[in-house]
PDB file of N, CA and C in Angstrom:
ATOM      1  N   UNK A   1      67.746  43.565 184.914  1.00  0.00           N
ATOM      2  CA  UNK A   1      67.347  44.129 183.753  1.00  0.00           C
ATOM      3  C   UNK A   1      65.886  43.357 182.862  1.00  0.00           C
ATOM      4  N   UNK A   2      66.712  41.908 182.823  1.00  0.00           N
ATOM      5  CA  UNK A   2      65.161  41.819 181.975  1.00  0.00           C
ATOM      6  C   UNK A   2      64.493  42.087 182.747  1.00  0.00           C
ATOM      7  N   UNK A   3      63.568  41.946 183.562  1.00  0.00           N
ATOM      8  CA  UNK A   3      62.592  41.974 184.316  1.00  0.00           C
ATOM      9  C   UNK A   3      61.944  43.072 184.544  1.00  0.00           C
ATOM     10  N   UNK A   4      62.839  44.830 183.674  1.00  0.00           N
ATOM     11  CA  UNK A   4      61.953  45.321 183.488  1.00  0.00           C
ATOM     12  C   UNK A   4      62.191  45.720 182.305  1.00  0.00           C
ATOM     13  N   UNK A   5      62.323  45.020 181.608  1.00  0.00           N
ATOM     14  CA  UNK A   5      61.865  45.683 180.146  1.00  0.00           C
ATOM     15  C   UNK A   5      60.507  44.814 179.420  1.00  0.00           C
ATOM     16  N   UNK A   6      60.045  45.442 179.109  1.00  0.00           N
ATOM     17  CA  UNK A   6      58.572  43.972 178.378  1.00  0.00           C
ATOM     18  C   UNK A   6      58.839  44.470 177.008  1.00  0.00           C
ATOM     19  N   UNK A   7      58.107  43.797 176.397  1.00  0.00           N
ATOM     20  CA  UNK A   7      57.990  43.813 174.621  1.00  0.00           C
ATOM     21  C   UNK A   7      58.414  43.046 173.792  1.00  0.00           C
ATOM     22  N   UNK A   8      58.494  43.543 172.700  1.00  0.00           N
ATOM     23  CA  UNK A   8      59.427  42.560 171.793  1.00  0.00           C
ATOM     24  C   UNK A   8      60.438  43.134 172.016  1.00  0.00           C
ATOM     25  N   UNK A   9      61.287  44.606 171.983  1.00  0.00           N
ATOM     26  CA  UNK A   9      62.615  44.715 172.075  1.00  0.00           C
ATOM     27  C   UNK A   9      63.504  44.305 173.406  1.00  0.00           C
ATOM     28  N   UNK A  10      62.469  43.382 174.069  1.00  0.00           N
ATOM     29  CA  UNK A  10      63.633  42.723 175.160  1.00  0.00           C
ATOM     30  C   UNK A  10      64.582  42.264 174.674  1.00  0.00           C
ATOM     31  N   UNK A  11      64.613  41.266 174.146  1.00  0.00           N
ATOM     32  CA  UNK A  11      65.987  39.710 173.753  1.00  0.00           C
ATOM     33  C   UNK A  11      66.755  41.504 173.204  1.00  0.00           C
ATOM     34  N   UNK A  12      66.427  42.183 172.346  1.00  0.00           N
ATOM     35  CA  UNK A  12      67.153  43.462 171.344  1.00  0.00           C
ATOM     36  C   UNK A  12      68.207  43.773 172.677  1.00  0.00           C
ATOM     37  N   UNK A  13      67.351  44.040 173.461  1.00  0.00           N
ATOM     38  CA  UNK A  13      68.160  45.609 174.351  1.00  0.00           C
ATOM     39  C   UNK A  13      68.824  44.959 176.000  1.00  0.00           C
ATOM     40  N   UNK A  14      69.315  43.542 175.560  1.00  0.00           N
ATOM     41  CA  UNK A  14      69.677  42.662 176.255  1.00  0.00           C
ATOM     42  C   UNK A  14      70.504  42.277 175.517  1.00  0.00           C
ATOM     43  N   UNK A  15      70.641  42.001 174.126  1.00  0.00           N
ATOM     44  CA  UNK A  15      71.833  41.832 172.888  1.00  0.00           C
ATOM     45  C   UNK A  15      73.068  42.640 173.395  1.00  0.00           C
ATOM     46  N   UNK A  16      72.260  44.018 172.688  1.00  0.00           N
ATOM     47  CA  UNK A  16      72.559  45.183 173.315  1.00  0.00           C
ATOM     48  C   UNK A  16      73.716  45.266 173.987  1.00  0.00           C
ATOM     49  N   UNK A  17      72.956  45.249 175.650  1.00  0.00           N
ATOM     50  CA  UNK A  17      73.787  45.107 176.221  1.00  0.00           C
ATOM     51  C   UNK A  17      75.261  45.009 176.624  1.00  0.00           C
ATOM     52  N   UNK A  18      74.633  43.893 176.613  1.00  0.00           N
ATOM     53  CA  UNK A  18      75.960  42.218 176.819  1.00  0.00           C
ATOM     54  C   UNK A  18      76.891  42.248 175.963  1.00  0.00           C
ATOM     55  N   UNK A  19      76.588  42.650 174.330  1.00  0.00           N
ATOM     56  CA  UNK A  19      78.074  44.044 173.203  1.00  0.00           C
ATOM     57  C   UNK A  19      78.659  44.570 173.740  1.00  0.00           C
ATOM     58  N   UNK A  20      77.868  45.804 175.264  1.00  0.00           N
ATOM     59  CA  UNK A  20      78.180  46.715 175.460  1.00  0.00           C
ATOM     60  C   UNK A  20      79.553  46.633 176.448  1.00  0.00           C
ATOM     61  N   UNK A  21      79.133  45.678 177.388  1.00  0.00           N
ATOM     62  CA  UNK A  21      80.349  45.017 178.064  1.00  0.00           C
ATOM     63  C   UNK A  21      81.556  44.610 177.891  1.00  0.00           C
ATOM     64  N   UNK A  22      81.294  43.670 176.536  1.00  0.00           N
ATOM     65  CA  UNK A  22      82.614  43.361 175.911  1.00  0.00           C
ATOM     66  C   UNK A  22      83.009  43.900 175.371  1.00  0.00           C
ATOM     67  N   UNK A  23      82.754  44.952 174.323  1.00  0.00           N
ATOM     68  CA  UNK A  23      82.901  46.097 173.902  1.00  0.00           C
ATOM     69  C   UNK A  23      84.670  46.840 175.023  1.00  0.00           C
ATOM     70  N   UNK A  24      83.416  47.406 176.185  1.00  0.00           N
ATOM     71  CA  UNK A  24      83.973  48.136 177.306  1.00  0.00           C
ATOM     72  C   UNK A  24      85.090  47.172 177.711  1.00  0.00           C
ATOM     73  N   UNK A  25      85.339  46.266 177.912  1.00  0.00           N
ATOM     74  CA  UNK A  25      86.312  44.527 178.702  1.00  0.00           C
ATOM     75  C   UNK A  25      87.557  44.512 177.955  1.00  0.00           C
ATOM     76  N   UNK A  26      87.079  44.728 176.101  1.00  0.00           N
ATOM     77  CA  UNK A  26      88.011  44.940 175.234  1.00  0.00           C
ATOM     78  C   UNK A  26      88.702  46.175 175.328  1.00  0.00           C
ATOM     79  N   UNK A  27      87.939  47.123 176.022  1.00  0.00           N
ATOM     80  CA  UNK A  27      88.917  48.600 175.604  1.00  0.00           C
ATOM     81  C   UNK A  27      89.852  48.614 177.000  1.00  0.00           C
ATOM     82  N   UNK A  28      89.069  47.641 178.062  1.00  0.00           N
ATOM     83  CA  UNK A  28      89.905  47.850 178.937  1.00  0.00           C
ATOM     84  C   UNK A  28      91.356  46.890 178.847  1.00  0.00           C
ATOM     85  N   UNK A  29      91.432  46.519 178.273  1.00  0.00           N
ATOM     86  CA  UNK A  29      92.162  45.678 177.415  1.00  0.00           C
ATOM     87  C   UNK A  29      93.067  46.003 177.121  1.00  0.00           C
ATOM     88  N   UNK A  30      92.435  47.001 175.817  1.00  0.00           N
ATOM     89  CA  UNK A  30      93.107  47.491 175.719  1.00  0.00           C
ATOM     90  C   UNK A  30      93.742  48.458 176.538  1.00  0.00           C
ATOM     91  N   UNK A  31      93.341  49.528 176.810  1.00  0.00           N
ATOM     92  CA  UNK A  31      94.687  50.493 178.095  1.00  0.00           C
ATOM     93  C   UNK A  31      94.952  50.067 178.700  1.00  0.00           C
ATOM     94  N   UNK A  32      95.290  48.807 179.298  1.00  0.00           N
ATOM     95  CA  UNK A  32      96.153  47.969 179.822  1.00  0.00           C
ATOM     96  C   UNK A  32      97.541  48.652 179.508  1.00  0.00           C
ATOM     97  N   UNK A  33      97.031  47.340 178.510  1.00  0.00           N
ATOM     98  CA  UNK A  33      98.339  47.535 176.824  1.00  0.00           C
ATOM     99  C   UNK A  33      99.045  48.450 176.847  1.00  0.00           C
ATOM    100  N   UNK A  34      98.162  49.213 176.277  1.00  0.00           N
ATOM    101  CA  UNK A  34      98.857  51.086 175.733  1.00  0.00           C
ATOM    102  C   UNK A  34      99.285  51.774 176.489  1.00  0.00           C
ATOM    103  N   UNK A  35      98.670  51.540 178.295  1.00  0.00           N
ATOM    104  CA  UNK A  35      99.151  52.409 178.879  1.00  0.00           C
ATOM    105  C   UNK A  35      99.118  52.650 180.008  1.00  0.00           C
ATOM    106  N   UNK A  36      98.791  51.342 180.617  1.00  0.00           N
ATOM    107  CA  UNK A  36      99.139  50.496 182.161  1.00  0.00           C
ATOM    108  C   UNK A  36      98.175  50.775 182.976  1.00  0.00           C
ATOM    109  N   UNK A  37      98.168  50.983 184.114  1.00  0.00           N
ATOM    110  CA  UNK A  37      97.605  50.893 185.104  1.00  0.00           C
ATOM    111  C   UNK A  37      96.671  52.427 184.905  1.00  0.00           C
ATOM    112  N   UNK A  38      97.268  53.673 184.782  1.00  0.00           N
ATOM    113  CA  UNK A  38      97.113  55.195 184.768  1.00  0.00           C
ATOM    114  C   UNK A  38      96.060  54.843 183.260  1.00  0.00           C
ATOM    115  N   UNK A  39      96.017  54.952 182.115  1.00  0.00           N
ATOM    116  CA  UNK A  39      95.145  54.390 180.762  1.00  0.00           C
ATOM    117  C   UNK A  39      93.729  53.714 181.441  1.00  0.00           C
ATOM    118  N   UNK A  40      93.734  52.440 182.078  1.00  0.00           N
ATOM    119  CA  UNK A  40      92.768  51.728 182.648  1.00  0.00           C
ATOM    120  C   UNK A  40      92.282  52.240 184.254  1.00  0.00           C
ATOM    121  N   UNK A  41      92.883  53.138 185.094  1.00  0.00           N
ATOM    122  CA  UNK A  41      92.391  54.457 185.960  1.00  0.00           C
ATOM    123  C   UNK A  41      91.657  55.105 185.113  1.00  0.00           C
ATOM    124  N   UNK A  42      92.336  55.799 184.239  1.00  0.00           N
ATOM    125  CA  UNK A  42      91.459  57.012 183.638  1.00  0.00           C
ATOM    126  C   UNK A  42      89.823  56.720 182.884  1.00  0.00           C
ATOM    127  N   UNK A  43      90.036  55.297 181.671  1.00  0.00           N
ATOM    128  CA  UNK A  43      88.826  54.652 181.747  1.00  0.00           C
ATOM    129  C   UNK A  43      87.860  54.326 182.248  1.00  0.00           C
ATOM    130  N   UNK A  44      88.372  54.282 183.713  1.00  0.00           N
ATOM    131  CA  UNK A  44      87.083  53.398 184.761  1.00  0.00           C
ATOM    132  C   UNK A  44      86.322  54.934 185.305  1.00  0.00           C
ATOM    133  N   UNK A  45      87.513  55.820 185.819  1.00  0.00           N
ATOM    134  CA  UNK A  45      86.916  56.893 186.426  1.00  0.00           C
ATOM    135  C   UNK A  45      86.862  57.598 186.051  1.00  0.00           C
ATOM    136  N   UNK A  46      86.538  58.389 184.786  1.00  0.00           N
ATOM    137  CA  UNK A  46      86.384  58.976 184.016  1.00  0.00           C
ATOM    138  C   UNK A  46      84.917  59.045 183.661  1.00  0.00           C
ATOM    139  N   UNK A  47      84.139  58.179 183.391  1.00  0.00           N
ATOM    140  CA  UNK A  47      82.919  57.729 183.075  1.00  0.00           C
ATOM    141  C   UNK A  47      82.303  57.818 184.643  1.00  0.00           C
ATOM    142  N   UNK A  48      82.912  57.164 185.436  1.00  0.00           N
ATOM    143  CA  UNK A  48      82.015  56.637 186.703  1.00  0.00           C
ATOM    144  C   UNK A  48      81.806  58.515 187.851  1.00  0.00           C
ATOM    145  N   UNK A  49      83.099  59.388 186.686  1.00  0.00           N
ATOM    146  CA  UNK A  49      83.266  60.725 187.796  1.00  0.00           C
ATOM    147  C   UNK A  49      81.554  61.800 186.588  1.00  0.00           C
ATOM    148  N   UNK A  50      80.947  61.286 185.627  1.00  0.00           N
ATOM    149  CA  UNK A  50      80.637  62.009 184.483  1.00  0.00           C
ATOM    150  C   UNK A  50      79.218  61.130 185.192  1.00  0.00           C
ATOM    151  N   UNK A  51      78.439  60.033 185.058  1.00  0.00           N
ATOM    152  CA  UNK A  51      77.657  59.519 185.462  1.00  0.00           C
ATOM    153  C   UNK A  51      76.955  60.527 186.326  1.00  0.00           C
ATOM    154  N   UNK A  52      77.002  61.092 187.547  1.00  0.00           N
ATOM    155  CA  UNK A  52      75.966  61.724 188.116  1.00  0.00           C
ATOM    156  C   UNK A  52      75.564  63.179 187.432  1.00  0.00           C
ATOM    157  N   UNK A  53      76.446  63.314 186.955  1.00  0.00           N
ATOM    158  CA  UNK A  53      76.245  64.670 185.364  1.00  0.00           C
ATOM    159  C   UNK A  53      75.284  64.620 184.649  1.00  0.00           C
ATOM    160  N   UNK A  54      74.884  63.072 184.438  1.00  0.00           N
ATOM    161  CA  UNK A  54      74.081  62.541 182.949  1.00  0.00           C
ATOM    162  C   UNK A  54      72.651  63.063 183.168  1.00  0.00           C
ATOM    163  N   UNK A  55      72.306  63.002 184.536  1.00  0.00           N
ATOM    164  CA  UNK A  55      70.864  63.862 184.325  1.00  0.00           C
ATOM    165  C   UNK A  55      69.527  62.911 184.683  1.00  0.00           C
ATOM    166  N   UNK A  56      69.916  61.954 184.741  1.00  0.00           N
ATOM    167  CA  UNK A  56      69.025  61.182 184.705  1.00  0.00           C
ATOM    168  C   UNK A  56      69.194  60.361 186.051  1.00  0.00           C
ATOM    169  N   UNK A  57      67.080  60.710 186.834  1.00  0.00           N
ATOM    170  CA  UNK A  57      67.198  60.109 187.931  1.00  0.00           C
ATOM    171  C   UNK A  57      67.091  58.826 188.927  1.00  0.00           C
ATOM    172  N   UNK A  58      67.620  58.016 189.801  1.00  0.00           N
ATOM    173  CA  UNK A  58      67.742  57.032 189.892  1.00  0.00           C
ATOM    174  C   UNK A  58      65.707  56.827 190.180  1.00  0.00           C
ATOM    175  N   UNK A  59      65.359  55.372 189.701  1.00  0.00           N
ATOM    176  CA  UNK A  59      64.144  55.468 189.945  1.00  0.00           C
ATOM    177  C   UNK A  59      64.155  54.607 191.349  1.00  0.00           C
ATOM    178  N   UNK A  60      62.690  54.379 191.807  1.00  0.00           N
ATOM    179  CA  UNK A  60      62.438  53.471 193.026  1.00  0.00           C
ATOM    180  C   UNK A  60      62.032  52.183 192.976  1.00  0.00           C
ATOM    181  N   UNK A  61      61.356  51.113 192.745  1.00  0.00           N
ATOM    182  CA  UNK A  61      60.698  49.977 192.659  1.00  0.00           C
ATOM    183  C   UNK A  61      59.629  50.134 192.736  1.00  0.00           C
ATOM    184  N   UNK A  62      58.993  49.758 192.421  1.00  0.00           N
ATOM    185  CA  UNK A  62      57.365  49.883 192.632  1.00  0.00           C
ATOM    186  C   UNK A  62      56.685  49.274 193.313  1.00  0.00           C
ATOM    187  N   UNK A  63      55.279  49.142 194.548  1.00  0.00           N
ATOM    188  CA  UNK A  63      55.244  48.515 194.968  1.00  0.00           C
ATOM    189  C   UNK A  63      55.180  47.273 195.256  1.00  0.00           C
ATOM    190  N   UNK A  64      54.716  46.272 193.541  1.00  0.00           N
ATOM    191  CA  UNK A  64      54.636  45.380 192.800  1.00  0.00           C
ATOM    192  C   UNK A  64      55.678  44.864 192.082  1.00  0.00           C
ATOM    193  N   UNK A  65      56.624  45.555 192.252  1.00  0.00           N
ATOM    194  CA  UNK A  65      58.244  44.986 192.209  1.00  0.00           C
ATOM    195  C   UNK A  65      59.259  43.940 192.937  1.00  0.00           C
ATOM    196  N   UNK A  66      59.159  44.612 194.187  1.00  0.00           N
ATOM    197  CA  UNK A  66      59.363  44.083 195.741  1.00  0.00           C
ATOM    198  C   UNK A  66      58.752  42.202 196.190  1.00  0.00           C
ATOM    199  N   UNK A  67      60.143  41.704 195.939  1.00  0.00           N
ATOM    200  CA  UNK A  67      60.006  40.386 196.060  1.00  0.00           C
ATOM    201  C   UNK A  67      60.289  40.027 197.827  1.00  0.00           C
ATOM    202  N   UNK A  68      59.451  39.769 198.302  1.00  0.00           N
ATOM    203  CA  UNK A  68      59.612  39.224 200.034  1.00  0.00           C
ATOM    204  C   UNK A  68      59.490  37.671 199.380  1.00  0.00           C
ATOM    205  N   UNK A  69      60.872  37.131 200.419  1.00  0.00           N
ATOM    206  CA  UNK A  69      60.651  35.425 200.655  1.00  0.00           C
ATOM    207  C   UNK A  69      60.261  35.750 202.167  1.00  0.00           C
ATOM    208  N   UNK A  70      60.531  33.691 202.139  1.00  0.00           N
ATOM    209  CA  UNK A  70      59.238  33.481 203.142  1.00  0.00           C
ATOM    210  C   UNK A  70      60.235  33.875 203.965  1.00  0.00           C
ATOM    211  N   UNK A  71      59.815  33.578 205.573  1.00  0.00           N
ATOM    212  CA  UNK A  71      61.373  33.632 206.935  1.00  0.00           C
ATOM    213  C   UNK A  71      61.827  32.325 206.656  1.00  0.00           C
TER     214      UNK A  71
END
């Protein structure tokens, strides 16, 4: 993710993304405590199923982004 972000906002965007993953982790723990397997499954599956409907297109890497390692 860091390689795709340029400019002054790079550190901020990375920090917010890290915070989001931590918050989601706590949500999974809470779902496990209060609802068990069913709650965790819903917490993970609902966003996963709705993600394709978000309207964002998948971007393809540019030719400059491709890294080829030597043989």
